[in-house]
PDB file of all heavy atoms in Angstrom:
ATOM      1  N   ALA A   1      -4.127  -2.651  -0.687  1.00  0.00           N
ATOM      2  CA  ALA A   1      -3.837  -1.273  -0.421  1.00  0.00           C
ATOM      3  C   ALA A   1      -2.238  -0.978  -0.542  1.00  0.00           C
ATOM      4  O   ALA A   1      -1.880  -0.011  -1.014  1.00  0.00           O
ATOM      5  CB  ALA A   1      -4.313  -0.922   0.992  1.00  0.00           C
ATOM      6  N   MET A   2      -1.536  -2.009   0.096  1.00  0.00           N
ATOM      7  CA  MET A   2      -0.061  -1.772   0.027  1.00  0.00           C
ATOM      8  C   MET A   2       0.370  -1.715  -1.563  1.00  0.00           C
ATOM      9  O   MET A   2       1.202  -0.929  -1.925  1.00  0.00           O
ATOM     10  CB  MET A   2       0.620  -3.089   0.626  1.00  0.00           C
ATOM     11  CG  MET A   2       2.099  -2.934   0.617  1.00  0.00           C
ATOM     12  SD  MET A   2       2.704  -1.868   1.944  1.00  0.00           S
ATOM     13  CE  MET A   2       2.101  -2.496   3.497  1.00  0.00           C
ATOM     14  N   LEU A   3      -0.109  -2.608  -2.453  1.00  0.00           N
ATOM     15  CA  LEU A   3       0.216  -2.531  -3.819  1.00  0.00           C
ATOM     16  C   LEU A   3      -0.161  -1.223  -4.447  1.00  0.00           C
ATOM     17  O   LEU A   3       0.634  -0.629  -5.170  1.00  0.00           O
ATOM     18  CB  LEU A   3      -0.442  -3.759  -4.548  1.00  0.00           C
ATOM     19  CG  LEU A   3      -0.358  -3.834  -6.013  1.00  0.00           C
ATOM     20  CD1 LEU A   3       1.063  -4.118  -6.487  1.00  0.00           C
ATOM     21  CD2 LEU A   3      -1.324  -4.801  -6.576  1.00  0.00           C
ATOM     22  N   LEU A   4      -1.441  -0.781  -4.246  1.00  0.00           N
ATOM     23  CA  LEU A   4      -1.855   0.476  -4.853  1.00  0.00           C
ATOM     24  C   LEU A   4      -1.014   1.624  -4.524  1.00  0.00           C
ATOM     25  O   LEU A   4      -0.657   2.406  -5.262  1.00  0.00           O
ATOM     26  CB  LEU A   4      -3.405   0.597  -4.548  1.00  0.00           C
ATOM     27  CG  LEU A   4      -4.354  -0.361  -5.110  1.00  0.00           C
ATOM     28  CD1 LEU A   4      -5.678  -0.298  -4.578  1.00  0.00           C
ATOM     29  CD2 LEU A   4      -4.379  -0.114  -6.749  1.00  0.00           C
ATOM     30  N   VAL A   5      -0.688   1.701  -3.130  1.00  0.00           N
ATOM     31  CA  VAL A   5       0.015   2.854  -2.664  1.00  0.00           C
ATOM     32  C   VAL A   5       1.490   2.736  -3.326  1.00  0.00           C
ATOM     33  O   VAL A   5       1.971   3.755  -3.809  1.00  0.00           O
ATOM     34  CB  VAL A   5       0.181   2.951  -1.125  1.00  0.00           C
ATOM     35  CG1 VAL A   5       1.277   3.828  -0.641  1.00  0.00           C
ATOM     36  CG2 VAL A   5      -1.215   3.162  -0.600  1.00  0.00           C
ATOM     37  N   GLY A   6       1.986   1.602  -3.334  1.00  0.00           N
ATOM     38  CA  GLY A   6       3.291   1.377  -3.997  1.00  0.00           C
ATOM     39  C   GLY A   6       3.345   1.738  -5.491  1.00  0.00           C
ATOM     40  O   GLY A   6       4.409   2.178  -6.071  1.00  0.00           O
ATOM     41  N   LEU A   7       2.159   1.705  -6.121  1.00  0.00           N
ATOM     42  CA  LEU A   7       2.127   2.045  -7.552  1.00  0.00           C
ATOM     43  C   LEU A   7       1.883   3.635  -7.660  1.00  0.00           C
ATOM     44  O   LEU A   7       1.857   3.998  -8.834  1.00  0.00           O
ATOM     45  CB  LEU A   7       0.945   1.195  -8.158  1.00  0.00           C
ATOM     46  CG  LEU A   7       1.175  -0.295  -8.366  1.00  0.00           C
ATOM     47  CD1 LEU A   7      -0.049  -0.868  -8.846  1.00  0.00           C
ATOM     48  CD2 LEU A   7       2.264  -0.477  -9.374  1.00  0.00           C
ATOM     49  N   GLY A   8       1.542   4.234  -6.671  1.00  0.00           N
ATOM     50  CA  GLY A   8       1.374   5.700  -6.744  1.00  0.00           C
ATOM     51  C   GLY A   8      -0.046   6.196  -6.463  1.00  0.00           C
ATOM     52  O   GLY A   8      -0.231   7.411  -6.507  1.00  0.00           O
ATOM     53  N   VAL A   9      -0.886   5.354  -6.104  1.00  0.00           N
ATOM     54  CA  VAL A   9      -2.319   5.818  -5.683  1.00  0.00           C
ATOM     55  C   VAL A   9      -2.240   6.409  -4.395  1.00  0.00           C
ATOM     56  O   VAL A   9      -1.612   5.894  -3.489  1.00  0.00           O
ATOM     57  CB  VAL A   9      -3.304   4.537  -5.771  1.00  0.00           C
ATOM     58  CG1 VAL A   9      -4.740   5.010  -5.225  1.00  0.00           C
ATOM     59  CG2 VAL A   9      -3.364   3.993  -7.126  1.00  0.00           C
ATOM     60  N   ARG A  10      -2.738   7.693  -4.144  1.00  0.00           N
ATOM     61  CA  ARG A  10      -2.818   8.301  -2.908  1.00  0.00           C
ATOM     62  C   ARG A  10      -4.171   8.457  -2.365  1.00  0.00           C
ATOM     63  O   ARG A  10      -4.293   9.040  -1.223  1.00  0.00           O
ATOM     64  CB  ARG A  10      -2.166   9.635  -3.084  1.00  0.00           C
ATOM     65  CG  ARG A  10      -0.711   9.574  -3.590  1.00  0.00           C
ATOM     66  CD  ARG A  10       0.193   8.849  -2.416  1.00  0.00           C
ATOM     67  NE  ARG A  10       1.541   8.707  -2.889  1.00  0.00           N
ATOM     68  CZ  ARG A  10       1.992   7.519  -3.483  1.00  0.00           C
ATOM     69  NH1 ARG A  10       1.302   6.406  -3.463  1.00  0.00           N
ATOM     70  NH2 ARG A  10       3.345   7.469  -3.785  1.00  0.00           N
ATOM     71  N   SER A  11      -5.117   7.868  -2.952  1.00  0.00           N
ATOM     72  CA  SER A  11      -6.546   7.995  -2.513  1.00  0.00           C
ATOM     73  C   SER A  11      -7.244   6.636  -2.606  1.00  0.00           C
ATOM     74  O   SER A  11      -7.392   6.163  -3.798  1.00  0.00           O
ATOM     75  CB  SER A  11      -7.336   9.030  -3.241  1.00  0.00           C
ATOM     76  OG  SER A  11      -8.604   9.069  -2.702  1.00  0.00           O
ATOM     77  N   LEU A  12      -7.538   6.130  -1.413  1.00  0.00           N
ATOM     78  CA  LEU A  12      -8.173   4.737  -1.410  1.00  0.00           C
ATOM     79  C   LEU A  12      -9.581   4.901  -0.727  1.00  0.00           C
ATOM     80  O   LEU A  12      -9.704   5.579   0.268  1.00  0.00           O
ATOM     81  CB  LEU A  12      -7.398   3.725  -0.615  1.00  0.00           C
ATOM     82  CG  LEU A  12      -5.958   3.476  -1.082  1.00  0.00           C
ATOM     83  CD1 LEU A  12      -5.266   2.515  -0.115  1.00  0.00           C
ATOM     84  CD2 LEU A  12      -5.945   2.865  -2.453  1.00  0.00           C
ATOM     85  N   SER A  13     -10.560   4.350  -1.457  1.00  0.00           N
ATOM     86  CA  SER A  13     -11.980   4.268  -0.892  1.00  0.00           C
ATOM     87  C   SER A  13     -12.139   2.883  -0.217  1.00  0.00           C
ATOM     88  O   SER A  13     -12.228   1.956  -0.964  1.00  0.00           O
ATOM     89  CB  SER A  13     -12.999   4.644  -1.843  1.00  0.00           C
ATOM     90  OG  SER A  13     -14.258   4.577  -1.277  1.00  0.00           O
ATOM     91  N   VAL A  14     -12.276   2.912   1.100  1.00  0.00           N
ATOM     92  CA  VAL A  14     -12.308   1.656   1.793  1.00  0.00           C
ATOM     93  C   VAL A  14     -13.570   1.566   2.633  1.00  0.00           C
ATOM     94  O   VAL A  14     -13.910   2.681   3.256  1.00  0.00           O
ATOM     95  CB  VAL A  14     -11.023   1.457   2.707  1.00  0.00           C
ATOM     96  CG1 VAL A  14     -11.091   0.295   3.455  1.00  0.00           C
ATOM     97  CG2 VAL A  14      -9.816   1.542   1.836  1.00  0.00           C
ATOM     98  N   SER A  15     -14.120   0.496   2.739  1.00  0.00           N
ATOM     99  CA  SER A  15     -15.308   0.232   3.631  1.00  0.00           C
ATOM    100  C   SER A  15     -14.968   0.731   5.179  1.00  0.00           C
ATOM    101  O   SER A  15     -13.932   0.565   5.533  1.00  0.00           O
ATOM    102  CB  SER A  15     -15.889  -1.153   3.644  1.00  0.00           C
ATOM    103  OG  SER A  15     -15.042  -1.980   4.220  1.00  0.00           O
ATOM    104  N   PRO A  16     -15.891   1.415   5.821  1.00  0.00           N
ATOM    105  CA  PRO A  16     -15.566   1.882   7.167  1.00  0.00           C
ATOM    106  C   PRO A  16     -15.047   0.979   8.136  1.00  0.00           C
ATOM    107  O   PRO A  16     -14.139   1.292   8.900  1.00  0.00           O
ATOM    108  CB  PRO A  16     -16.988   2.327   7.665  1.00  0.00           C
ATOM    109  CG  PRO A  16     -17.765   2.573   6.325  1.00  0.00           C
ATOM    110  CD  PRO A  16     -17.219   1.712   5.338  1.00  0.00           C
ATOM    111  N   ARG A  17     -15.436  -0.351   7.992  1.00  0.00           N
ATOM    112  CA  ARG A  17     -14.823  -1.282   8.965  1.00  0.00           C
ATOM    113  C   ARG A  17     -13.377  -1.717   8.660  1.00  0.00           C
ATOM    114  O   ARG A  17     -12.804  -2.279   9.505  1.00  0.00           O
ATOM    115  CB  ARG A  17     -15.774  -2.639   9.069  1.00  0.00           C
ATOM    116  CG  ARG A  17     -15.910  -3.278   7.793  1.00  0.00           C
ATOM    117  CD  ARG A  17     -16.900  -4.551   7.815  1.00  0.00           C
ATOM    118  NE  ARG A  17     -17.204  -5.062   6.623  1.00  0.00           N
ATOM    119  CZ  ARG A  17     -16.472  -5.875   5.906  1.00  0.00           C
ATOM    120  NH1 ARG A  17     -15.274  -6.294   6.428  1.00  0.00           N
ATOM    121  NH2 ARG A  17     -16.880  -6.482   4.775  1.00  0.00           N
ATOM    122  N   LYS A  18     -12.978  -1.354   7.518  1.00  0.00           N
ATOM    123  CA  LYS A  18     -11.499  -1.724   7.180  1.00  0.00           C
ATOM    124  C   LYS A  18     -10.489  -0.491   7.239  1.00  0.00           C
ATOM    125  O   LYS A  18      -9.282  -0.745   7.252  1.00  0.00           O
ATOM    126  CB  LYS A  18     -11.416  -2.245   5.787  1.00  0.00           C
ATOM    127  CG  LYS A  18     -12.229  -3.607   5.544  1.00  0.00           C
ATOM    128  CD  LYS A  18     -12.148  -4.230   4.201  1.00  0.00           C
ATOM    129  CE  LYS A  18     -12.820  -5.562   4.207  1.00  0.00           C
ATOM    130  NZ  LYS A  18     -12.593  -6.169   2.782  1.00  0.00           N
ATOM    131  N   ILE A  19     -11.020   0.644   7.387  1.00  0.00           N
ATOM    132  CA  ILE A  19     -10.286   1.867   7.289  1.00  0.00           C
ATOM    133  C   ILE A  19      -9.111   1.788   8.388  1.00  0.00           C
ATOM    134  O   ILE A  19      -7.903   2.031   8.060  1.00  0.00           O
ATOM    135  CB  ILE A  19     -11.108   3.060   7.651  1.00  0.00           C
ATOM    136  CG1 ILE A  19     -11.971   3.436   6.378  1.00  0.00           C
ATOM    137  CG2 ILE A  19     -10.112   4.370   7.833  1.00  0.00           C
ATOM    138  CD1 ILE A  19     -12.974   4.502   6.619  1.00  0.00           C
ATOM    139  N   ASN A  20      -9.439   1.586   9.606  1.00  0.00           N
ATOM    140  CA  ASN A  20      -8.251   1.580  10.707  1.00  0.00           C
ATOM    141  C   ASN A  20      -7.318   0.632  10.507  1.00  0.00           C
ATOM    142  O   ASN A  20      -6.046   0.830  10.602  1.00  0.00           O
ATOM    143  CB  ASN A  20      -8.942   1.295  12.001  1.00  0.00           C
ATOM    144  CG  ASN A  20      -9.790   2.528  12.554  1.00  0.00           C
ATOM    145  OD1 ASN A  20      -9.592   3.731  12.007  1.00  0.00           O
ATOM    146  ND2 ASN A  20     -10.784   2.311  13.473  1.00  0.00           N
ATOM    147  N   LYS A  21      -7.621  -0.684  10.039  1.00  0.00           N
ATOM    148  CA  LYS A  21      -6.549  -1.606   9.701  1.00  0.00           C
ATOM    149  C   LYS A  21      -5.627  -1.264   8.521  1.00  0.00           C
ATOM    150  O   LYS A  21      -4.446  -1.463   8.660  1.00  0.00           O
ATOM    151  CB  LYS A  21      -7.299  -3.005   9.578  1.00  0.00           C
ATOM    152  CG  LYS A  21      -6.300  -4.227   9.579  1.00  0.00           C
ATOM    153  CD  LYS A  21      -5.533  -4.259  10.832  1.00  0.00           C
ATOM    154  CE  LYS A  21      -4.605  -5.437  10.705  1.00  0.00           C
ATOM    155  NZ  LYS A  21      -3.699  -5.568  11.873  1.00  0.00           N
ATOM    156  N   VAL A  22      -6.270  -0.840   7.567  1.00  0.00           N
ATOM    157  CA  VAL A  22      -5.578  -0.439   6.407  1.00  0.00           C
ATOM    158  C   VAL A  22      -4.575   0.597   6.659  1.00  0.00           C
ATOM    159  O   VAL A  22      -3.375   0.759   6.426  1.00  0.00           O
ATOM    160  CB  VAL A  22      -6.378  -0.065   5.174  1.00  0.00           C
ATOM    161  CG1 VAL A  22      -5.636   0.695   4.066  1.00  0.00           C
ATOM    162  CG2 VAL A  22      -7.163  -1.360   4.593  1.00  0.00           C
ATOM    163  N   LYS A  23      -5.044   1.677   7.369  1.00  0.00           N
ATOM    164  CA  LYS A  23      -4.321   2.890   7.930  1.00  0.00           C
ATOM    165  C   LYS A  23      -3.178   2.384   8.732  1.00  0.00           C
ATOM    166  O   LYS A  23      -2.035   2.866   8.690  1.00  0.00           O
ATOM    167  CB  LYS A  23      -5.119   3.911   8.570  1.00  0.00           C
ATOM    168  CG  LYS A  23      -5.983   4.675   7.664  1.00  0.00           C
ATOM    169  CD  LYS A  23      -6.929   5.712   8.341  1.00  0.00           C
ATOM    170  CE  LYS A  23      -6.216   6.773   9.029  1.00  0.00           C
ATOM    171  NZ  LYS A  23      -7.163   7.739   9.652  1.00  0.00           N
ATOM    172  N   GLU A  24      -3.460   1.488   9.746  1.00  0.00           N
ATOM    173  CA  GLU A  24      -2.515   1.005  10.630  1.00  0.00           C
ATOM    174  C   GLU A  24      -1.291   0.235   9.866  1.00  0.00           C
ATOM    175  O   GLU A  24      -0.077   0.507  10.167  1.00  0.00           O
ATOM    176  CB  GLU A  24      -3.052   0.025  11.646  1.00  0.00           C
ATOM    177  CG  GLU A  24      -2.180  -0.464  12.732  1.00  0.00           C
ATOM    178  CD  GLU A  24      -1.362  -1.706  12.435  1.00  0.00           C
ATOM    179  OE1 GLU A  24      -2.029  -2.557  11.714  1.00  0.00           O
ATOM    180  OE2 GLU A  24      -0.166  -1.822  12.732  1.00  0.00           O
ATOM    181  N   VAL A  25      -1.660  -0.548   8.972  1.00  0.00           N
ATOM    182  CA  VAL A  25      -0.643  -1.324   8.234  1.00  0.00           C
ATOM    183  C   VAL A  25       0.247  -0.383   7.349  1.00  0.00           C
ATOM    184  O   VAL A  25       1.400  -0.418   7.370  1.00  0.00           O
ATOM    185  CB  VAL A  25      -1.189  -2.355   7.372  1.00  0.00           C
ATOM    186  CG1 VAL A  25      -0.282  -3.038   6.328  1.00  0.00           C
ATOM    187  CG2 VAL A  25      -1.781  -3.558   8.297  1.00  0.00           C
ATOM    188  N   LEU A  26      -0.374   0.498   6.612  1.00  0.00           N
ATOM    189  CA  LEU A  26       0.321   1.467   5.680  1.00  0.00           C
ATOM    190  C   LEU A  26       1.156   2.400   6.582  1.00  0.00           C
ATOM    191  O   LEU A  26       2.331   2.712   6.122  1.00  0.00           O
ATOM    192  CB  LEU A  26      -0.620   2.252   4.929  1.00  0.00           C
ATOM    193  CG  LEU A  26      -1.379   1.500   3.808  1.00  0.00           C
ATOM    194  CD1 LEU A  26      -2.362   2.296   3.200  1.00  0.00           C
ATOM    195  CD2 LEU A  26      -0.443   0.884   2.802  1.00  0.00           C
ATOM    196  N   SER A  27       0.820   2.709   7.812  1.00  0.00           N
ATOM    197  CA  SER A  27       1.616   3.671   8.633  1.00  0.00           C
ATOM    198  C   SER A  27       2.860   3.026   9.224  1.00  0.00           C
ATOM    199  O   SER A  27       3.791   3.684   9.601  1.00  0.00           O
ATOM    200  CB  SER A  27       0.727   4.227   9.713  1.00  0.00           C
ATOM    201  OG  SER A  27       0.437   3.412  10.743  1.00  0.00           O
ATOM    202  N   ARG A  28       3.000   1.691   9.115  1.00  0.00           N
ATOM    203  CA  ARG A  28       4.132   0.986   9.764  1.00  0.00           C
ATOM    204  C   ARG A  28       5.396   1.049   8.752  1.00  0.00           C
ATOM    205  O   ARG A  28       6.521   0.781   9.144  1.00  0.00           O
ATOM    206  CB  ARG A  28       3.820  -0.381   9.873  1.00  0.00           C
ATOM    207  CG  ARG A  28       2.881  -0.682  11.023  1.00  0.00           C
ATOM    208  CD  ARG A  28       2.640  -2.191  11.422  1.00  0.00           C
ATOM    209  NE  ARG A  28       2.983  -3.209  10.538  1.00  0.00           N
ATOM    210  CZ  ARG A  28       2.335  -4.141  10.203  1.00  0.00           C
ATOM    211  NH1 ARG A  28       1.175  -4.469  10.845  1.00  0.00           N
ATOM    212  NH2 ARG A  28       2.673  -5.176   9.360  1.00  0.00           N
ATOM    213  N   PHE A  29       5.114   1.502   7.625  1.00  0.00           N
ATOM    214  CA  PHE A  29       6.165   1.607   6.547  1.00  0.00           C
ATOM    215  C   PHE A  29       6.459   3.078   5.891  1.00  0.00           C
ATOM    216  O   PHE A  29       5.467   3.728   5.871  1.00  0.00           O
ATOM    217  CB  PHE A  29       5.928   0.573   5.428  1.00  0.00           C
ATOM    218  CG  PHE A  29       5.656  -0.842   5.886  1.00  0.00           C
ATOM    219  CD1 PHE A  29       4.304  -1.220   6.043  1.00  0.00           C
ATOM    220  CD2 PHE A  29       6.653  -1.627   6.344  1.00  0.00           C
ATOM    221  CE1 PHE A  29       4.014  -2.610   6.496  1.00  0.00           C
ATOM    222  CE2 PHE A  29       6.376  -2.979   6.774  1.00  0.00           C
ATOM    223  CZ  PHE A  29       5.005  -3.395   6.922  1.00  0.00           C
ATOM    224  N   THR A  30       7.560   3.203   5.346  1.00  0.00           N
ATOM    225  CA  THR A  30       7.807   4.534   4.798  1.00  0.00           C
ATOM    226  C   THR A  30       7.371   4.282   3.247  1.00  0.00           C
ATOM    227  O   THR A  30       7.167   3.135   2.806  1.00  0.00           O
ATOM    228  CB  THR A  30       9.334   4.786   4.619  1.00  0.00           C
ATOM    229  OG1 THR A  30      10.053   3.772   3.835  1.00  0.00           O
ATOM    230  CG2 THR A  30       9.956   4.937   6.057  1.00  0.00           C
ATOM    231  N   LEU A  31       7.040   5.338   2.615  1.00  0.00           N
ATOM    232  CA  LEU A  31       6.621   5.298   1.217  1.00  0.00           C
ATOM    233  C   LEU A  31       7.663   4.517   0.331  1.00  0.00           C
ATOM    234  O   LEU A  31       7.296   3.690  -0.546  1.00  0.00           O
ATOM    235  CB  LEU A  31       6.218   6.700   0.700  1.00  0.00           C
ATOM    236  CG  LEU A  31       5.740   6.691  -0.735  1.00  0.00           C
ATOM    237  CD1 LEU A  31       4.336   5.855  -0.854  1.00  0.00           C
ATOM    238  CD2 LEU A  31       5.428   8.128  -1.119  1.00  0.00           C
ATOM    239  N   GLN A  32       8.964   4.761   0.596  1.00  0.00           N
ATOM    240  CA  GLN A  32      10.007   4.126  -0.165  1.00  0.00           C
ATOM    241  C   GLN A  32      10.053   2.637   0.051  1.00  0.00           C
ATOM    242  O   GLN A  32      10.181   1.928  -0.922  1.00  0.00           O
ATOM    243  CB  GLN A  32      11.362   4.812   0.295  1.00  0.00           C
ATOM    244  CG  GLN A  32      12.568   4.144  -0.571  1.00  0.00           C
ATOM    245  CD  GLN A  32      13.800   4.882  -0.113  1.00  0.00           C
ATOM    246  OE1 GLN A  32      13.907   5.659   0.837  1.00  0.00           O
ATOM    247  NE2 GLN A  32      14.875   4.454  -0.922  1.00  0.00           N
ATOM    248  N   GLU A  33       9.747   2.144   1.278  1.00  0.00           N
ATOM    249  CA  GLU A  33       9.727   0.722   1.475  1.00  0.00           C
ATOM    250  C   GLU A  33       8.517   0.156   0.755  1.00  0.00           C
ATOM    251  O   GLU A  33       8.597  -1.023   0.238  1.00  0.00           O
ATOM    252  CB  GLU A  33       9.504   0.442   3.093  1.00  0.00           C
ATOM    253  CG  GLU A  33      10.706   0.827   3.867  1.00  0.00           C
ATOM    254  CD  GLU A  33      10.466   0.680   5.422  1.00  0.00           C
ATOM    255  OE1 GLU A  33       9.417   1.136   5.822  1.00  0.00           O
ATOM    256  OE2 GLU A  33      11.366   0.283   6.120  1.00  0.00           O
ATOM    257  N   ILE A  34       7.340   0.735   0.818  1.00  0.00           N
ATOM    258  CA  ILE A  34       6.152   0.374   0.033  1.00  0.00           C
ATOM    259  C   ILE A  34       6.417   0.203  -1.478  1.00  0.00           C
ATOM    260  O   ILE A  34       6.117  -0.751  -2.124  1.00  0.00           O
ATOM    261  CB  ILE A  34       4.877   1.138   0.368  1.00  0.00           C
ATOM    262  CG1 ILE A  34       4.567   0.981   1.879  1.00  0.00           C
ATOM    263  CG2 ILE A  34       3.734   0.791  -0.414  1.00  0.00           C
ATOM    264  CD1 ILE A  34       3.493   1.954   2.381  1.00  0.00           C
ATOM    265  N   GLU A  35       7.075   1.292  -1.953  1.00  0.00           N
ATOM    266  CA  GLU A  35       7.343   1.288  -3.401  1.00  0.00           C
ATOM    267  C   GLU A  35       8.363   0.244  -3.781  1.00  0.00           C
ATOM    268  O   GLU A  35       8.194  -0.354  -4.905  1.00  0.00           O
ATOM    269  CB  GLU A  35       7.870   2.761  -3.794  1.00  0.00           C
ATOM    270  CG  GLU A  35       6.774   3.781  -3.759  1.00  0.00           C
ATOM    271  CD  GLU A  35       7.288   5.168  -4.007  1.00  0.00           C
ATOM    272  OE1 GLU A  35       8.546   5.476  -3.810  1.00  0.00           O
ATOM    273  OE2 GLU A  35       6.386   6.043  -4.219  1.00  0.00           O
ATOM    274  N   THR A  36       9.346   0.023  -2.937  1.00  0.00           N
ATOM    275  CA  THR A  36      10.322  -0.995  -3.227  1.00  0.00           C
ATOM    276  C   THR A  36       9.775  -2.343  -3.343  1.00  0.00           C
ATOM    277  O   THR A  36       9.974  -3.157  -4.321  1.00  0.00           O
ATOM    278  CB  THR A  36      11.478  -1.018  -2.156  1.00  0.00           C
ATOM    279  OG1 THR A  36      12.095   0.312  -2.188  1.00  0.00           O
ATOM    280  CG2 THR A  36      12.461  -2.163  -2.412  1.00  0.00           C
ATOM    281  N   VAL A  37       8.806  -2.759  -2.336  1.00  0.00           N
ATOM    282  CA  VAL A  37       8.280  -4.078  -2.336  1.00  0.00           C
ATOM    283  C   VAL A  37       7.246  -4.253  -3.609  1.00  0.00           C
ATOM    284  O   VAL A  37       7.211  -5.254  -4.233  1.00  0.00           O
ATOM    285  CB  VAL A  37       7.579  -4.510  -1.017  1.00  0.00           C
ATOM    286  CG1 VAL A  37       6.251  -3.748  -0.932  1.00  0.00           C
ATOM    287  CG2 VAL A  37       7.323  -5.988  -0.966  1.00  0.00           C
ATOM    288  N   THR A  38       6.622  -3.166  -3.887  1.00  0.00           N
ATOM    289  CA  THR A  38       5.791  -3.121  -5.097  1.00  0.00           C
ATOM    290  C   THR A  38       6.536  -3.317  -6.373  1.00  0.00           C
ATOM    291  O   THR A  38       6.244  -4.142  -7.329  1.00  0.00           O
ATOM    292  CB  THR A  38       4.947  -1.791  -5.175  1.00  0.00           C
ATOM    293  OG1 THR A  38       4.103  -1.764  -4.001  1.00  0.00           O
ATOM    294  CG2 THR A  38       4.005  -1.867  -6.361  1.00  0.00           C
ATOM    295  N   LYS A  39       7.642  -2.583  -6.503  1.00  0.00           N
ATOM    296  CA  LYS A  39       8.452  -2.706  -7.774  1.00  0.00           C
ATOM    297  C   LYS A  39       9.091  -4.157  -7.879  1.00  0.00           C
ATOM    298  O   LYS A  39       9.194  -4.546  -9.065  1.00  0.00           O
ATOM    299  CB  LYS A  39       9.685  -1.769  -7.783  1.00  0.00           C
ATOM    300  CG  LYS A  39       9.194  -0.381  -8.021  1.00  0.00           C
ATOM    301  CD  LYS A  39      10.309   0.677  -7.883  1.00  0.00           C
ATOM    302  CE  LYS A  39       9.581   2.049  -8.155  1.00  0.00           C
ATOM    303  NZ  LYS A  39      10.393   3.185  -7.790  1.00  0.00           N
ATOM    304  N   GLU A  40       9.237  -4.893  -6.716  1.00  0.00           N
ATOM    305  CA  GLU A  40       9.766  -6.243  -6.879  1.00  0.00           C
ATOM    306  C   GLU A  40       8.602  -7.088  -7.554  1.00  0.00           C
ATOM    307  O   GLU A  40       8.947  -8.114  -8.210  1.00  0.00           O
ATOM    308  CB  GLU A  40       9.982  -6.910  -5.333  1.00  0.00           C
ATOM    309  CG  GLU A  40      11.209  -6.450  -4.688  1.00  0.00           C
ATOM    310  CD  GLU A  40      11.266  -6.878  -3.356  1.00  0.00           C
ATOM    311  OE1 GLU A  40      10.804  -8.063  -3.139  1.00  0.00           O
ATOM    312  OE2 GLU A  40      11.804  -6.275  -2.444  1.00  0.00           O
ATOM    313  N   SER A  41       7.434  -6.892  -7.344  1.00  0.00           N
ATOM    314  CA  SER A  41       6.366  -7.564  -7.996  1.00  0.00           C
ATOM    315  C   SER A  41       6.459  -7.549  -9.428  1.00  0.00           C
ATOM    316  O   SER A  41       5.938  -8.490 -10.071  1.00  0.00           O
ATOM    317  CB  SER A  41       4.971  -7.116  -7.445  1.00  0.00           C
ATOM    318  OG  SER A  41       4.635  -5.854  -7.929  1.00  0.00           O
ATOM    319  N   PHE A  42       6.957  -6.537 -10.063  1.00  0.00           N
ATOM    320  CA  PHE A  42       7.114  -6.510 -11.547  1.00  0.00           C
ATOM    321  C   PHE A  42       7.940  -7.634 -12.132  1.00  0.00           C
ATOM    322  O   PHE A  42       7.888  -7.978 -13.230  1.00  0.00           O
ATOM    323  CB  PHE A  42       7.834  -5.106 -11.948  1.00  0.00           C
ATOM    324  CG  PHE A  42       7.142  -3.853 -11.578  1.00  0.00           C
ATOM    325  CD1 PHE A  42       7.588  -2.734 -11.575  1.00  0.00           C
ATOM    326  CD2 PHE A  42       5.736  -4.029 -11.183  1.00  0.00           C
ATOM    327  CE1 PHE A  42       6.896  -1.491 -11.416  1.00  0.00           C
ATOM    328  CE2 PHE A  42       4.877  -2.891 -10.959  1.00  0.00           C
ATOM    329  CZ  PHE A  42       5.557  -1.558 -11.100  1.00  0.00           C
ATOM    330  N   ASN A  43       8.767  -8.172 -11.264  1.00  0.00           N
ATOM    331  CA  ASN A  43       9.777  -9.382 -11.653  1.00  0.00           C
ATOM    332  C   ASN A  43       9.092 -10.690 -11.609  1.00  0.00           C
ATOM    333  O   ASN A  43       9.618 -11.685 -12.040  1.00  0.00           O
ATOM    334  CB  ASN A  43      10.976  -9.354 -10.766  1.00  0.00           C
ATOM    335  CG  ASN A  43      11.756  -8.079 -10.799  1.00  0.00           C
ATOM    336  OD1 ASN A  43      11.883  -7.440 -11.809  1.00  0.00           O
ATOM    337  ND2 ASN A  43      12.288  -7.582  -9.729  1.00  0.00           N
ATOM    338  N   TYR A  44       7.801 -10.799 -10.965  1.00  0.00           N
ATOM    339  CA  TYR A  44       7.207 -12.114 -10.897  1.00  0.00           C
ATOM    340  C   TYR A  44       6.288 -12.353 -11.998  1.00  0.00           C
ATOM    341  O   TYR A  44       5.746 -11.555 -12.638  1.00  0.00           O
ATOM    342  CB  TYR A  44       6.503 -12.259  -9.494  1.00  0.00           C
ATOM    343  CG  TYR A  44       7.351 -11.860  -8.383  1.00  0.00           C
ATOM    344  CD1 TYR A  44       6.981 -10.975  -7.366  1.00  0.00           C
ATOM    345  CD2 TYR A  44       8.553 -12.533  -8.183  1.00  0.00           C
ATOM    346  CE1 TYR A  44       7.909 -10.681  -6.368  1.00  0.00           C
ATOM    347  CE2 TYR A  44       9.479 -12.251  -7.071  1.00  0.00           C
ATOM    348  CZ  TYR A  44       9.151 -11.311  -6.169  1.00  0.00           C
ATOM    349  OH  TYR A  44      10.010 -10.998  -5.201  1.00  0.00           O
ATOM    350  N   SER A  45       6.088 -13.609 -12.293  1.00  0.00           N
ATOM    351  CA  SER A  45       5.246 -14.093 -13.378  1.00  0.00           C
ATOM    352  C   SER A  45       3.962 -14.737 -13.008  1.00  0.00           C
ATOM    353  O   SER A  45       3.207 -15.054 -13.896  1.00  0.00           O
ATOM    354  CB  SER A  45       6.051 -15.066 -14.205  1.00  0.00           C
ATOM    355  OG  SER A  45       6.382 -16.217 -13.393  1.00  0.00           O
TER     356      SER A  45
END
């Protein structure tokens, strides 16, 4: 979820039992922070 949001996806379909945890984790960070860590992944092999 973190990777997808960082790549620009704004709509995730998640099983009901995972929704709260995904929302909680994503809400701890700004969009800029999420995008930054995702962009770092472009450097890895």
